[in-house]
Amino acid sequence: DSNDKKRARLNLISHLLKQIPYEHLPRKT
């Protein structure tokens, strides 16, 4: 539902992240 642009962006990105089984990798200092 993109009638509210800001909510649409947040909802879509949140959904997108849940579709991919990524992990937080340790970063070098």
mmCIF file of all heavy atoms, coordinates in Angstrom:
data_MODEL
# 
_entry.id   MODEL 
# 
loop_
_atom_site.group_PDB 
_atom_site.id 
_atom_site.type_symbol 
_atom_site.label_atom_id 
_atom_site.label_alt_id 
_atom_site.label_comp_id 
_atom_site.label_asym_id 
_atom_site.label_entity_id 
_atom_site.label_seq_id 
_atom_site.pdbx_PDB_ins_code 
_atom_site.Cartn_x 
_atom_site.Cartn_y 
_atom_site.Cartn_z 
_atom_site.occupancy 
_atom_site.B_iso_or_equiv 
_atom_site.pdbx_formal_charge 
_atom_site.auth_seq_id 
_atom_site.auth_comp_id 
_atom_site.auth_asym_id 
_atom_site.auth_atom_id 
_atom_site.pdbx_PDB_model_num 
ATOM 1   N N   . ASP A 1 1  ? 0.861  -1.178  0.000  1.00 0.00 ? 1  ASP A N   1 
ATOM 2   C CA  . ASP A 1 1  ? 0.000  0.000   0.000  1.00 0.00 ? 1  ASP A CA  1 
ATOM 3   C C   . ASP A 1 1  ? 0.898  1.228   0.000  1.00 0.00 ? 1  ASP A C   1 
ATOM 4   O O   . ASP A 1 1  ? 1.572  1.514   0.991  1.00 0.00 ? 1  ASP A O   1 
ATOM 5   C CB  . ASP A 1 1  ? -0.899 -0.021  1.247  1.00 0.00 ? 1  ASP A CB  1 
ATOM 6   C CG  . ASP A 1 1  ? -1.854 1.169   1.304  1.00 0.00 ? 1  ASP A CG  1 
ATOM 7   O OD1 . ASP A 1 1  ? -1.631 2.164   0.579  1.00 0.00 ? 1  ASP A OD1 1 
ATOM 8   O OD2 . ASP A 1 1  ? -2.824 1.109   2.087  1.00 0.00 ? 1  ASP A OD2 1 
ATOM 9   N N   . SER A 1 2  ? 0.915  1.954   -1.107 1.00 0.00 ? 2  SER A N   1 
ATOM 10  C CA  . SER A 1 2  ? 1.866  3.068   -1.246 1.00 0.00 ? 2  SER A CA  1 
ATOM 11  C C   . SER A 1 2  ? 1.184  4.434   -1.223 1.00 0.00 ? 2  SER A C   1 
ATOM 12  O O   . SER A 1 2  ? 1.750  5.421   -1.694 1.00 0.00 ? 2  SER A O   1 
ATOM 13  C CB  . SER A 1 2  ? 2.682  2.910   -2.530 1.00 0.00 ? 2  SER A CB  1 
ATOM 14  O OG  . SER A 1 2  ? 1.866  3.063   -3.671 1.00 0.00 ? 2  SER A OG  1 
ATOM 15  N N   . ASN A 1 3  ? -0.022 4.507   -0.693 1.00 0.00 ? 3  ASN A N   1 
ATOM 16  C CA  . ASN A 1 3  ? -0.684 5.797   -0.593 1.00 0.00 ? 3  ASN A CA  1 
ATOM 17  C C   . ASN A 1 3  ? 0.029  6.728   0.377  1.00 0.00 ? 3  ASN A C   1 
ATOM 18  O O   . ASN A 1 3  ? -0.003 7.943   0.221  1.00 0.00 ? 3  ASN A O   1 
ATOM 19  C CB  . ASN A 1 3  ? -2.140 5.609   -0.176 1.00 0.00 ? 3  ASN A CB  1 
ATOM 20  C CG  . ASN A 1 3  ? -3.003 5.158   -1.345 1.00 0.00 ? 3  ASN A CG  1 
ATOM 21  O OD1 . ASN A 1 3  ? -3.213 5.890   -2.291 1.00 0.00 ? 3  ASN A OD1 1 
ATOM 22  N ND2 . ASN A 1 3  ? -3.470 3.928   -1.287 1.00 0.00 ? 3  ASN A ND2 1 
ATOM 23  N N   . ASP A 1 4  ? 0.644  6.154   1.395  1.00 0.00 ? 4  ASP A N   1 
ATOM 24  C CA  . ASP A 1 4  ? 1.494  6.918   2.314  1.00 0.00 ? 4  ASP A CA  1 
ATOM 25  C C   . ASP A 1 4  ? 2.931  6.533   1.980  1.00 0.00 ? 4  ASP A C   1 
ATOM 26  O O   . ASP A 1 4  ? 3.387  5.439   2.316  1.00 0.00 ? 4  ASP A O   1 
ATOM 27  C CB  . ASP A 1 4  ? 1.149  6.573   3.767  1.00 0.00 ? 4  ASP A CB  1 
ATOM 28  C CG  . ASP A 1 4  ? 1.925  7.407   4.773  1.00 0.00 ? 4  ASP A CG  1 
ATOM 29  O OD1 . ASP A 1 4  ? 3.116  7.698   4.527  1.00 0.00 ? 4  ASP A OD1 1 
ATOM 30  O OD2 . ASP A 1 4  ? 1.359  7.745   5.828  1.00 0.00 ? 4  ASP A OD2 1 
ATOM 31  N N   . LYS A 1 5  ? 3.650  7.434   1.324  1.00 0.00 ? 5  LYS A N   1 
ATOM 32  C CA  . LYS A 1 5  ? 4.984  7.100   0.811  1.00 0.00 ? 5  LYS A CA  1 
ATOM 33  C C   . LYS A 1 5  ? 5.942  6.683   1.914  1.00 0.00 ? 5  LYS A C   1 
ATOM 34  O O   . LYS A 1 5  ? 6.696  5.707   1.780  1.00 0.00 ? 5  LYS A O   1 
ATOM 35  C CB  . LYS A 1 5  ? 5.569  8.292   0.046  1.00 0.00 ? 5  LYS A CB  1 
ATOM 36  C CG  . LYS A 1 5  ? 4.939  8.554   -1.295 1.00 0.00 ? 5  LYS A CG  1 
ATOM 37  C CD  . LYS A 1 5  ? 5.665  9.705   -1.988 1.00 0.00 ? 5  LYS A CD  1 
ATOM 38  C CE  . LYS A 1 5  ? 5.108  9.966   -3.374 1.00 0.00 ? 5  LYS A CE  1 
ATOM 39  N NZ  . LYS A 1 5  ? 5.828  11.068  -4.052 1.00 0.00 ? 5  LYS A NZ  1 
ATOM 40  N N   . LYS A 1 6  ? 5.946  7.412   3.010  1.00 0.00 ? 6  LYS A N   1 
ATOM 41  C CA  . LYS A 1 6  ? 6.905  7.124   4.073  1.00 0.00 ? 6  LYS A CA  1 
ATOM 42  C C   . LYS A 1 6  ? 6.639  5.762   4.693  1.00 0.00 ? 6  LYS A C   1 
ATOM 43  O O   . LYS A 1 6  ? 7.562  4.965   4.912  1.00 0.00 ? 6  LYS A O   1 
ATOM 44  C CB  . LYS A 1 6  ? 6.861  8.227   5.133  1.00 0.00 ? 6  LYS A CB  1 
ATOM 45  C CG  . LYS A 1 6  ? 7.427  9.556   4.656  1.00 0.00 ? 6  LYS A CG  1 
ATOM 46  C CD  . LYS A 1 6  ? 7.404  10.609  5.751  1.00 0.00 ? 6  LYS A CD  1 
ATOM 47  C CE  . LYS A 1 6  ? 8.025  11.911  5.262  1.00 0.00 ? 6  LYS A CE  1 
ATOM 48  N NZ  . LYS A 1 6  ? 7.993  12.964  6.304  1.00 0.00 ? 6  LYS A NZ  1 
ATOM 49  N N   . ARG A 1 7  ? 5.381  5.476   5.000  1.00 0.00 ? 7  ARG A N   1 
ATOM 50  C CA  . ARG A 1 7  ? 5.049  4.173   5.577  1.00 0.00 ? 7  ARG A CA  1 
ATOM 51  C C   . ARG A 1 7  ? 5.323  3.045   4.582  1.00 0.00 ? 7  ARG A C   1 
ATOM 52  O O   . ARG A 1 7  ? 5.763  1.960   4.962  1.00 0.00 ? 7  ARG A O   1 
ATOM 53  C CB  . ARG A 1 7  ? 3.589  4.145   6.025  1.00 0.00 ? 7  ARG A CB  1 
ATOM 54  C CG  . ARG A 1 7  ? 3.343  4.865   7.352  1.00 0.00 ? 7  ARG A CG  1 
ATOM 55  C CD  . ARG A 1 7  ? 1.965  4.530   7.909  1.00 0.00 ? 7  ARG A CD  1 
ATOM 56  N NE  . ARG A 1 7  ? 1.867  4.963   9.294  1.00 0.00 ? 7  ARG A NE  1 
ATOM 57  C CZ  . ARG A 1 7  ? 1.450  6.153   9.680  1.00 0.00 ? 7  ARG A CZ  1 
ATOM 58  N NH1 . ARG A 1 7  ? 1.107  7.053   8.766  1.00 0.00 ? 7  ARG A NH1 1 
ATOM 59  N NH2 . ARG A 1 7  ? 1.385  6.460   10.969 1.00 0.00 ? 7  ARG A NH2 1 
ATOM 60  N N   . ALA A 1 8  ? 5.052  3.313   3.311  1.00 0.00 ? 8  ALA A N   1 
ATOM 61  C CA  . ALA A 1 8  ? 5.314  2.293   2.292  1.00 0.00 ? 8  ALA A CA  1 
ATOM 62  C C   . ALA A 1 8  ? 6.791  1.927   2.246  1.00 0.00 ? 8  ALA A C   1 
ATOM 63  O O   . ALA A 1 8  ? 7.146  0.741   2.166  1.00 0.00 ? 8  ALA A O   1 
ATOM 64  C CB  . ALA A 1 8  ? 4.852  2.799   0.923  1.00 0.00 ? 8  ALA A CB  1 
ATOM 65  N N   . ARG A 1 9  ? 7.666  2.931   2.313  1.00 0.00 ? 9  ARG A N   1 
ATOM 66  C CA  . ARG A 1 9  ? 9.106  2.657   2.273  1.00 0.00 ? 9  ARG A CA  1 
ATOM 67  C C   . ARG A 1 9  ? 9.543  1.831   3.474  1.00 0.00 ? 9  ARG A C   1 
ATOM 68  O O   . ARG A 1 9  ? 10.277 0.841   3.337  1.00 0.00 ? 9  ARG A O   1 
ATOM 69  C CB  . ARG A 1 9  ? 9.873  3.974   2.235  1.00 0.00 ? 9  ARG A CB  1 
ATOM 70  C CG  . ARG A 1 9  ? 9.689  4.756   0.957  1.00 0.00 ? 9  ARG A CG  1 
ATOM 71  C CD  . ARG A 1 9  ? 10.196 6.179   1.102  1.00 0.00 ? 9  ARG A CD  1 
ATOM 72  N NE  . ARG A 1 9  ? 9.774  7.024   -0.010 1.00 0.00 ? 9  ARG A NE  1 
ATOM 73  C CZ  . ARG A 1 9  ? 9.822  8.344   -0.002 1.00 0.00 ? 9  ARG A CZ  1 
ATOM 74  N NH1 . ARG A 1 9  ? 10.276 8.990   1.075  1.00 0.00 ? 9  ARG A NH1 1 
ATOM 75  N NH2 . ARG A 1 9  ? 9.417  9.034   -1.036 1.00 0.00 ? 9  ARG A NH2 1 
ATOM 76  N N   . LEU A 1 10 ? 9.088  2.225   4.646  1.00 0.00 ? 10 LEU A N   1 
ATOM 77  C CA  . LEU A 1 10 ? 9.475  1.504   5.866  1.00 0.00 ? 10 LEU A CA  1 
ATOM 78  C C   . LEU A 1 10 ? 8.933  0.079   5.849  1.00 0.00 ? 10 LEU A C   1 
ATOM 79  O O   . LEU A 1 10 ? 9.651  -0.876  6.187  1.00 0.00 ? 10 LEU A O   1 
ATOM 80  C CB  . LEU A 1 10 ? 8.964  2.249   7.101  1.00 0.00 ? 10 LEU A CB  1 
ATOM 81  C CG  . LEU A 1 10 ? 9.504  3.672   7.321  1.00 0.00 ? 10 LEU A CG  1 
ATOM 82  C CD1 . LEU A 1 10 ? 8.883  4.278   8.570  1.00 0.00 ? 10 LEU A CD1 1 
ATOM 83  C CD2 . LEU A 1 10 ? 11.023 3.678   7.427  1.00 0.00 ? 10 LEU A CD2 1 
ATOM 84  N N   . ASN A 1 11 ? 7.675  -0.076  5.462  1.00 0.00 ? 11 ASN A N   1 
ATOM 85  C CA  . ASN A 1 11 ? 7.070  -1.409  5.439  1.00 0.00 ? 11 ASN A CA  1 
ATOM 86  C C   . ASN A 1 11 ? 7.750  -2.317  4.428  1.00 0.00 ? 11 ASN A C   1 
ATOM 87  O O   . ASN A 1 11 ? 7.996  -3.502  4.687  1.00 0.00 ? 11 ASN A O   1 
ATOM 88  C CB  . ASN A 1 11 ? 5.576  -1.302  5.121  1.00 0.00 ? 11 ASN A CB  1 
ATOM 89  C CG  . ASN A 1 11 ? 4.777  -0.703  6.257  1.00 0.00 ? 11 ASN A CG  1 
ATOM 90  O OD1 . ASN A 1 11 ? 5.129  -0.849  7.430  1.00 0.00 ? 11 ASN A OD1 1 
ATOM 91  N ND2 . ASN A 1 11 ? 3.693  -0.035  5.934  1.00 0.00 ? 11 ASN A ND2 1 
ATOM 92  N N   . LEU A 1 12 ? 8.084  -1.750  3.264  1.00 0.00 ? 12 LEU A N   1 
ATOM 93  C CA  . LEU A 1 12 ? 8.700  -2.564  2.226  1.00 0.00 ? 12 LEU A CA  1 
ATOM 94  C C   . LEU A 1 12 ? 10.105 -3.000  2.626  1.00 0.00 ? 12 LEU A C   1 
ATOM 95  O O   . LEU A 1 12 ? 10.466 -4.172  2.475  1.00 0.00 ? 12 LEU A O   1 
ATOM 96  C CB  . LEU A 1 12 ? 8.728  -1.783  0.908  1.00 0.00 ? 12 LEU A CB  1 
ATOM 97  C CG  . LEU A 1 12 ? 9.116  -2.580  -0.339 1.00 0.00 ? 12 LEU A CG  1 
ATOM 98  C CD1 . LEU A 1 12 ? 8.453  -1.969  -1.578 1.00 0.00 ? 12 LEU A CD1 1 
ATOM 99  C CD2 . LEU A 1 12 ? 10.626 -2.632  -0.553 1.00 0.00 ? 12 LEU A CD2 1 
ATOM 100 N N   . ILE A 1 13 ? 10.910 -2.074  3.130  1.00 0.00 ? 13 ILE A N   1 
ATOM 101 C CA  . ILE A 1 13 ? 12.286 -2.427  3.515  1.00 0.00 ? 13 ILE A CA  1 
ATOM 102 C C   . ILE A 1 13 ? 12.265 -3.454  4.642  1.00 0.00 ? 13 ILE A C   1 
ATOM 103 O O   . ILE A 1 13 ? 13.045 -4.415  4.645  1.00 0.00 ? 13 ILE A O   1 
ATOM 104 C CB  . ILE A 1 13 ? 13.083 -1.182  3.920  1.00 0.00 ? 13 ILE A CB  1 
ATOM 105 C CG1 . ILE A 1 13 ? 13.217 -0.220  2.734  1.00 0.00 ? 13 ILE A CG1 1 
ATOM 106 C CG2 . ILE A 1 13 ? 14.479 -1.575  4.420  1.00 0.00 ? 13 ILE A CG2 1 
ATOM 107 C CD1 . ILE A 1 13 ? 13.837 1.122   3.085  1.00 0.00 ? 13 ILE A CD1 1 
ATOM 108 N N   . SER A 1 14 ? 11.369 -3.264  5.604  1.00 0.00 ? 14 SER A N   1 
ATOM 109 C CA  . SER A 1 14 ? 11.246 -4.220  6.702  1.00 0.00 ? 14 SER A CA  1 
ATOM 110 C C   . SER A 1 14 ? 10.888 -5.611  6.182  1.00 0.00 ? 14 SER A C   1 
ATOM 111 O O   . SER A 1 14 ? 11.470 -6.617  6.595  1.00 0.00 ? 14 SER A O   1 
ATOM 112 C CB  . SER A 1 14 ? 10.180 -3.729  7.687  1.00 0.00 ? 14 SER A CB  1 
ATOM 113 O OG  . SER A 1 14 ? 9.968  -4.672  8.711  1.00 0.00 ? 14 SER A OG  1 
ATOM 114 N N   . HIS A 1 15 ? 9.956  -5.655  5.246  1.00 0.00 ? 15 HIS A N   1 
ATOM 115 C CA  . HIS A 1 15 ? 9.555  -6.941  4.655  1.00 0.00 ? 15 HIS A CA  1 
ATOM 116 C C   . HIS A 1 15 ? 10.705 -7.554  3.864  1.00 0.00 ? 15 HIS A C   1 
ATOM 117 O O   . HIS A 1 15 ? 10.982 -8.758  3.975  1.00 0.00 ? 15 HIS A O   1 
ATOM 118 C CB  . HIS A 1 15 ? 8.349  -6.728  3.746  1.00 0.00 ? 15 HIS A CB  1 
ATOM 119 C CG  . HIS A 1 15 ? 7.841  -7.985  3.115  1.00 0.00 ? 15 HIS A CG  1 
ATOM 120 N ND1 . HIS A 1 15 ? 8.358  -8.480  1.934  1.00 0.00 ? 15 HIS A ND1 1 
ATOM 121 C CD2 . HIS A 1 15 ? 6.876  -8.870  3.508  1.00 0.00 ? 15 HIS A CD2 1 
ATOM 122 C CE1 . HIS A 1 15 ? 7.726  -9.598  1.620  1.00 0.00 ? 15 HIS A CE1 1 
ATOM 123 N NE2 . HIS A 1 15 ? 6.831  -9.858  2.548  1.00 0.00 ? 15 HIS A NE2 1 
ATOM 124 N N   . LEU A 1 16 ? 11.378 -6.732  3.071  1.00 0.00 ? 16 LEU A N   1 
ATOM 125 C CA  . LEU A 1 16 ? 12.496 -7.206  2.250  1.00 0.00 ? 16 LEU A CA  1 
ATOM 126 C C   . LEU A 1 16 ? 13.557 -7.887  3.109  1.00 0.00 ? 16 LEU A C   1 
ATOM 127 O O   . LEU A 1 16 ? 14.044 -8.978  2.778  1.00 0.00 ? 16 LEU A O   1 
ATOM 128 C CB  . LEU A 1 16 ? 13.086 -6.020  1.487  1.00 0.00 ? 16 LEU A CB  1 
ATOM 129 C CG  . LEU A 1 16 ? 14.188 -6.234  0.467  1.00 0.00 ? 16 LEU A CG  1 
ATOM 130 C CD1 . LEU A 1 16 ? 14.201 -5.053  -0.501 1.00 0.00 ? 16 LEU A CD1 1 
ATOM 131 C CD2 . LEU A 1 16 ? 15.563 -6.360  1.092  1.00 0.00 ? 16 LEU A CD2 1 
ATOM 132 N N   . LEU A 1 17 ? 13.911 -7.259  4.220  1.00 0.00 ? 17 LEU A N   1 
ATOM 133 C CA  . LEU A 1 17 ? 14.957 -7.798  5.092  1.00 0.00 ? 17 LEU A CA  1 
ATOM 134 C C   . LEU A 1 17 ? 14.572 -9.163  5.661  1.00 0.00 ? 17 LEU A C   1 
ATOM 135 O O   . LEU A 1 17 ? 15.427 -10.028 5.863  1.00 0.00 ? 17 LEU A O   1 
ATOM 136 C CB  . LEU A 1 17 ? 15.251 -6.812  6.225  1.00 0.00 ? 17 LEU A CB  1 
ATOM 137 C CG  . LEU A 1 17 ? 15.961 -5.517  5.800  1.00 0.00 ? 17 LEU A CG  1 
ATOM 138 C CD1 . LEU A 1 17 ? 15.891 -4.483  6.917  1.00 0.00 ? 17 LEU A CD1 1 
ATOM 139 C CD2 . LEU A 1 17 ? 17.415 -5.795  5.424  1.00 0.00 ? 17 LEU A CD2 1 
ATOM 140 N N   . LYS A 1 18 ? 13.275 -9.346  5.897  1.00 0.00 ? 18 LYS A N   1 
ATOM 141 C CA  . LYS A 1 18 ? 12.814 -10.611 6.473  1.00 0.00 ? 18 LYS A CA  1 
ATOM 142 C C   . LYS A 1 18 ? 12.805 -11.746 5.451  1.00 0.00 ? 18 LYS A C   1 
ATOM 143 O O   . LYS A 1 18 ? 12.710 -12.919 5.832  1.00 0.00 ? 18 LYS A O   1 
ATOM 144 C CB  . LYS A 1 18 ? 11.421 -10.431 7.071  1.00 0.00 ? 18 LYS A CB  1 
ATOM 145 C CG  . LYS A 1 18 ? 11.411 -9.557  8.316  1.00 0.00 ? 18 LYS A CG  1 
ATOM 146 C CD  . LYS A 1 18 ? 9.997  -9.383  8.858  1.00 0.00 ? 18 LYS A CD  1 
ATOM 147 C CE  . LYS A 1 18 ? 9.998  -8.502  10.106 1.00 0.00 ? 18 LYS A CE  1 
ATOM 148 N NZ  . LYS A 1 18 ? 8.635  -8.263  10.628 1.00 0.00 ? 18 LYS A NZ  1 
ATOM 149 N N   . GLN A 1 19 ? 12.879 -11.411 4.168  1.00 0.00 ? 19 GLN A N   1 
ATOM 150 C CA  . GLN A 1 19 ? 12.851 -12.442 3.128  1.00 0.00 ? 19 GLN A CA  1 
ATOM 151 C C   . GLN A 1 19 ? 14.223 -13.042 2.849  1.00 0.00 ? 19 GLN A C   1 
ATOM 152 O O   . GLN A 1 19 ? 14.329 -14.025 2.126  1.00 0.00 ? 19 GLN A O   1 
ATOM 153 C CB  . GLN A 1 19 ? 12.289 -11.864 1.823  1.00 0.00 ? 19 GLN A CB  1 
ATOM 154 C CG  . GLN A 1 19 ? 10.967 -11.148 1.960  1.00 0.00 ? 19 GLN A CG  1 
ATOM 155 C CD  . GLN A 1 19 ? 9.941  -11.919 2.751  1.00 0.00 ? 19 GLN A CD  1 
ATOM 156 O OE1 . GLN A 1 19 ? 9.601  -13.056 2.400  1.00 0.00 ? 19 GLN A OE1 1 
ATOM 157 N NE2 . GLN A 1 19 ? 9.432  -11.321 3.814  1.00 0.00 ? 19 GLN A NE2 1 
ATOM 158 N N   . ILE A 1 20 ? 15.268 -12.447 3.428  1.00 0.00 ? 20 ILE A N   1 
ATOM 159 C CA  . ILE A 1 20 ? 16.639 -12.873 3.117  1.00 0.00 ? 20 ILE A CA  1 
ATOM 160 C C   . ILE A 1 20 ? 17.316 -13.356 4.391  1.00 0.00 ? 20 ILE A C   1 
ATOM 161 O O   . ILE A 1 20 ? 17.355 -12.628 5.393  1.00 0.00 ? 20 ILE A O   1 
ATOM 162 C CB  . ILE A 1 20 ? 17.433 -11.700 2.503  1.00 0.00 ? 20 ILE A CB  1 
ATOM 163 C CG1 . ILE A 1 20 ? 16.692 -11.170 1.263  1.00 0.00 ? 20 ILE A CG1 1 
ATOM 164 C CG2 . ILE A 1 20 ? 18.845 -12.137 2.136  1.00 0.00 ? 20 ILE A CG2 1 
ATOM 165 C CD1 . ILE A 1 20 ? 17.270 -9.884  0.705  1.00 0.00 ? 20 ILE A CD1 1 
ATOM 166 N N   . PRO A 1 21 ? 17.861 -14.557 4.395  1.00 0.00 ? 21 PRO A N   1 
ATOM 167 C CA  . PRO A 1 21 ? 18.445 -15.134 5.618  1.00 0.00 ? 21 PRO A CA  1 
ATOM 168 C C   . PRO A 1 21 ? 19.859 -14.631 5.908  1.00 0.00 ? 21 PRO A C   1 
ATOM 169 O O   . PRO A 1 21 ? 20.791 -15.407 6.111  1.00 0.00 ? 21 PRO A O   1 
ATOM 170 C CB  . PRO A 1 21 ? 18.439 -16.631 5.316  1.00 0.00 ? 21 PRO A CB  1 
ATOM 171 C CG  . PRO A 1 21 ? 18.661 -16.703 3.834  1.00 0.00 ? 21 PRO A CG  1 
ATOM 172 C CD  . PRO A 1 21 ? 17.893 -15.520 3.266  1.00 0.00 ? 21 PRO A CD  1 
ATOM 173 N N   . TYR A 1 22 ? 20.021 -13.306 5.955  1.00 0.00 ? 22 TYR A N   1 
ATOM 174 C CA  . TYR A 1 22 ? 21.349 -12.747 6.176  1.00 0.00 ? 22 TYR A CA  1 
ATOM 175 C C   . TYR A 1 22 ? 21.718 -12.779 7.657  1.00 0.00 ? 22 TYR A C   1 
ATOM 176 O O   . TYR A 1 22 ? 20.859 -12.904 8.534  1.00 0.00 ? 22 TYR A O   1 
ATOM 177 C CB  . TYR A 1 22 ? 21.417 -11.311 5.645  1.00 0.00 ? 22 TYR A CB  1 
ATOM 178 C CG  . TYR A 1 22 ? 20.669 -10.294 6.466  1.00 0.00 ? 22 TYR A CG  1 
ATOM 179 C CD1 . TYR A 1 22 ? 21.322 -9.490  7.398  1.00 0.00 ? 22 TYR A CD1 1 
ATOM 180 C CD2 . TYR A 1 22 ? 19.292 -10.124 6.306  1.00 0.00 ? 22 TYR A CD2 1 
ATOM 181 C CE1 . TYR A 1 22 ? 20.627 -8.553  8.150  1.00 0.00 ? 22 TYR A CE1 1 
ATOM 182 C CE2 . TYR A 1 22 ? 18.592 -9.191  7.049  1.00 0.00 ? 22 TYR A CE2 1 
ATOM 183 C CZ  . TYR A 1 22 ? 19.263 -8.407  7.971  1.00 0.00 ? 22 TYR A CZ  1 
ATOM 184 O OH  . TYR A 1 22 ? 18.575 -7.487  8.726  1.00 0.00 ? 22 TYR A OH  1 
ATOM 185 N N   . GLU A 1 23 ? 22.983 -12.661 7.913  1.00 0.00 ? 23 GLU A N   1 
ATOM 186 C CA  . GLU A 1 23 ? 23.489 -12.625 9.285  1.00 0.00 ? 23 GLU A CA  1 
ATOM 187 C C   . GLU A 1 23 ? 24.382 -11.395 9.457  1.00 0.00 ? 23 GLU A C   1 
ATOM 188 O O   . GLU A 1 23 ? 24.979 -10.916 8.497  1.00 0.00 ? 23 GLU A O   1 
ATOM 189 C CB  . GLU A 1 23 ? 24.308 -13.886 9.593  1.00 0.00 ? 23 GLU A CB  1 
ATOM 190 C CG  . GLU A 1 23 ? 23.511 -15.179 9.470  1.00 0.00 ? 23 GLU A CG  1 
ATOM 191 C CD  . GLU A 1 23 ? 24.397 -16.405 9.682  1.00 0.00 ? 23 GLU A CD  1 
ATOM 192 O OE1 . GLU A 1 23 ? 25.632 -16.216 9.852  1.00 0.00 ? 23 GLU A OE1 1 
ATOM 193 O OE2 . GLU A 1 23 ? 23.875 -17.527 9.654  1.00 0.00 ? 23 GLU A OE2 1 
ATOM 194 N N   . HIS A 1 24 ? 24.460 -10.915 10.688 1.00 0.00 ? 24 HIS A N   1 
ATOM 195 C CA  . HIS A 1 24 ? 25.385 -9.823  10.997 1.00 0.00 ? 24 HIS A CA  1 
ATOM 196 C C   . HIS A 1 24 ? 26.794 -10.408 11.117 1.00 0.00 ? 24 HIS A C   1 
ATOM 197 O O   . HIS A 1 24 ? 27.046 -11.249 11.981 1.00 0.00 ? 24 HIS A O   1 
ATOM 198 C CB  . HIS A 1 24 ? 24.986 -9.134  12.302 1.00 0.00 ? 24 HIS A CB  1 
ATOM 199 C CG  . HIS A 1 24 ? 23.826 -8.208  12.157 1.00 0.00 ? 24 HIS A CG  1 
ATOM 200 N ND1 . HIS A 1 24 ? 23.951 -6.834  12.231 1.00 0.00 ? 24 HIS A ND1 1 
ATOM 201 C CD2 . HIS A 1 24 ? 22.515 -8.455  11.907 1.00 0.00 ? 24 HIS A CD2 1 
ATOM 202 C CE1 . HIS A 1 24 ? 22.767 -6.279  12.054 1.00 0.00 ? 24 HIS A CE1 1 
ATOM 203 N NE2 . HIS A 1 24 ? 21.872 -7.245  11.856 1.00 0.00 ? 24 HIS A NE2 1 
ATOM 204 N N   . LEU A 1 25 ? 27.672 -9.974  10.260 1.00 0.00 ? 25 LEU A N   1 
ATOM 205 C CA  . LEU A 1 25 ? 29.035 -10.487 10.266 1.00 0.00 ? 25 LEU A CA  1 
ATOM 206 C C   . LEU A 1 25 ? 29.934 -9.566  11.085 1.00 0.00 ? 25 LEU A C   1 
ATOM 207 O O   . LEU A 1 25 ? 29.745 -8.346  11.078 1.00 0.00 ? 25 LEU A O   1 
ATOM 208 C CB  . LEU A 1 25 ? 29.562 -10.587 8.834  1.00 0.00 ? 25 LEU A CB  1 
ATOM 209 C CG  . LEU A 1 25 ? 28.740 -11.465 7.878  1.00 0.00 ? 25 LEU A CG  1 
ATOM 210 C CD1 . LEU A 1 25 ? 29.373 -11.457 6.490  1.00 0.00 ? 25 LEU A CD1 1 
ATOM 211 C CD2 . LEU A 1 25 ? 28.619 -12.892 8.405  1.00 0.00 ? 25 LEU A CD2 1 
ATOM 212 N N   . PRO A 1 26 ? 30.911 -10.123 11.782 1.00 0.00 ? 26 PRO A N   1 
ATOM 213 C CA  . PRO A 1 26 ? 31.827 -9.280  12.559 1.00 0.00 ? 26 PRO A CA  1 
ATOM 214 C C   . PRO A 1 26 ? 32.650 -8.394  11.637 1.00 0.00 ? 26 PRO A C   1 
ATOM 215 O O   . PRO A 1 26 ? 33.075 -8.814  10.556 1.00 0.00 ? 26 PRO A O   1 
ATOM 216 C CB  . PRO A 1 26 ? 32.713 -10.296 13.285 1.00 0.00 ? 26 PRO A CB  1 
ATOM 217 C CG  . PRO A 1 26 ? 32.623 -11.552 12.473 1.00 0.00 ? 26 PRO A CG  1 
ATOM 218 C CD  . PRO A 1 26 ? 31.242 -11.568 11.900 1.00 0.00 ? 26 PRO A CD  1 
ATOM 219 N N   . ARG A 1 27 ? 32.849 -7.163  12.060 1.00 0.00 ? 27 ARG A N   1 
ATOM 220 C CA  . ARG A 1 27 ? 33.623 -6.221  11.256 1.00 0.00 ? 27 ARG A CA  1 
ATOM 221 C C   . ARG A 1 27 ? 34.990 -6.028  11.884 1.00 0.00 ? 27 ARG A C   1 
ATOM 222 O O   . ARG A 1 27 ? 35.126 -5.971  13.110 1.00 0.00 ? 27 ARG A O   1 
ATOM 223 C CB  . ARG A 1 27 ? 32.911 -4.876  11.184 1.00 0.00 ? 27 ARG A CB  1 
ATOM 224 C CG  . ARG A 1 27 ? 31.620 -4.927  10.382 1.00 0.00 ? 27 ARG A CG  1 
ATOM 225 C CD  . ARG A 1 27 ? 31.157 -3.539  10.034 1.00 0.00 ? 27 ARG A CD  1 
ATOM 226 N NE  . ARG A 1 27 ? 30.030 -3.545  9.131  1.00 0.00 ? 27 ARG A NE  1 
ATOM 227 C CZ  . ARG A 1 27 ? 29.626 -2.478  8.449  1.00 0.00 ? 27 ARG A CZ  1 
ATOM 228 N NH1 . ARG A 1 27 ? 30.284 -1.330  8.587  1.00 0.00 ? 27 ARG A NH1 1 
ATOM 229 N NH2 . ARG A 1 27 ? 28.597 -2.547  7.649  1.00 0.00 ? 27 ARG A NH2 1 
ATOM 230 N N   . LYS A 1 28 ? 35.989 -5.888  11.049 1.00 0.00 ? 28 LYS A N   1 
ATOM 231 C CA  . LYS A 1 28 ? 37.338 -5.636  11.527 1.00 0.00 ? 28 LYS A CA  1 
ATOM 232 C C   . LYS A 1 28 ? 37.434 -4.222  12.102 1.00 0.00 ? 28 LYS A C   1 
ATOM 233 O O   . LYS A 1 28 ? 36.817 -3.288  11.594 1.00 0.00 ? 28 LYS A O   1 
ATOM 234 C CB  . LYS A 1 28 ? 38.350 -5.797  10.385 1.00 0.00 ? 28 LYS A CB  1 
ATOM 235 C CG  . LYS A 1 28 ? 38.447 -7.220  9.834  1.00 0.00 ? 28 LYS A CG  1 
ATOM 236 C CD  . LYS A 1 28 ? 39.478 -7.286  8.718  1.00 0.00 ? 28 LYS A CD  1 
ATOM 237 C CE  . LYS A 1 28 ? 39.591 -8.701  8.164  1.00 0.00 ? 28 LYS A CE  1 
ATOM 238 N NZ  . LYS A 1 28 ? 40.586 -8.770  7.052  1.00 0.00 ? 28 LYS A NZ  1 
ATOM 239 N N   . THR A 1 29 ? 38.203 -4.088  13.136 1.00 0.00 ? 29 THR A N   1 
ATOM 240 C CA  . THR A 1 29 ? 38.426 -2.770  13.721 1.00 0.00 ? 29 THR A CA  1 
ATOM 241 C C   . THR A 1 29 ? 39.276 -1.934  12.765 1.00 0.00 ? 29 THR A C   1 
ATOM 242 O O   . THR A 1 29 ? 40.332 -2.373  12.308 1.00 0.00 ? 29 THR A O   1 
ATOM 243 C CB  . THR A 1 29 ? 39.140 -2.885  15.080 1.00 0.00 ? 29 THR A CB  1 
ATOM 244 O OG1 . THR A 1 29 ? 38.336 -3.690  15.953 1.00 0.00 ? 29 THR A OG1 1 
ATOM 245 C CG2 . THR A 1 29 ? 39.346 -1.514  15.699 1.00 0.00 ? 29 THR A CG2 1 
# 
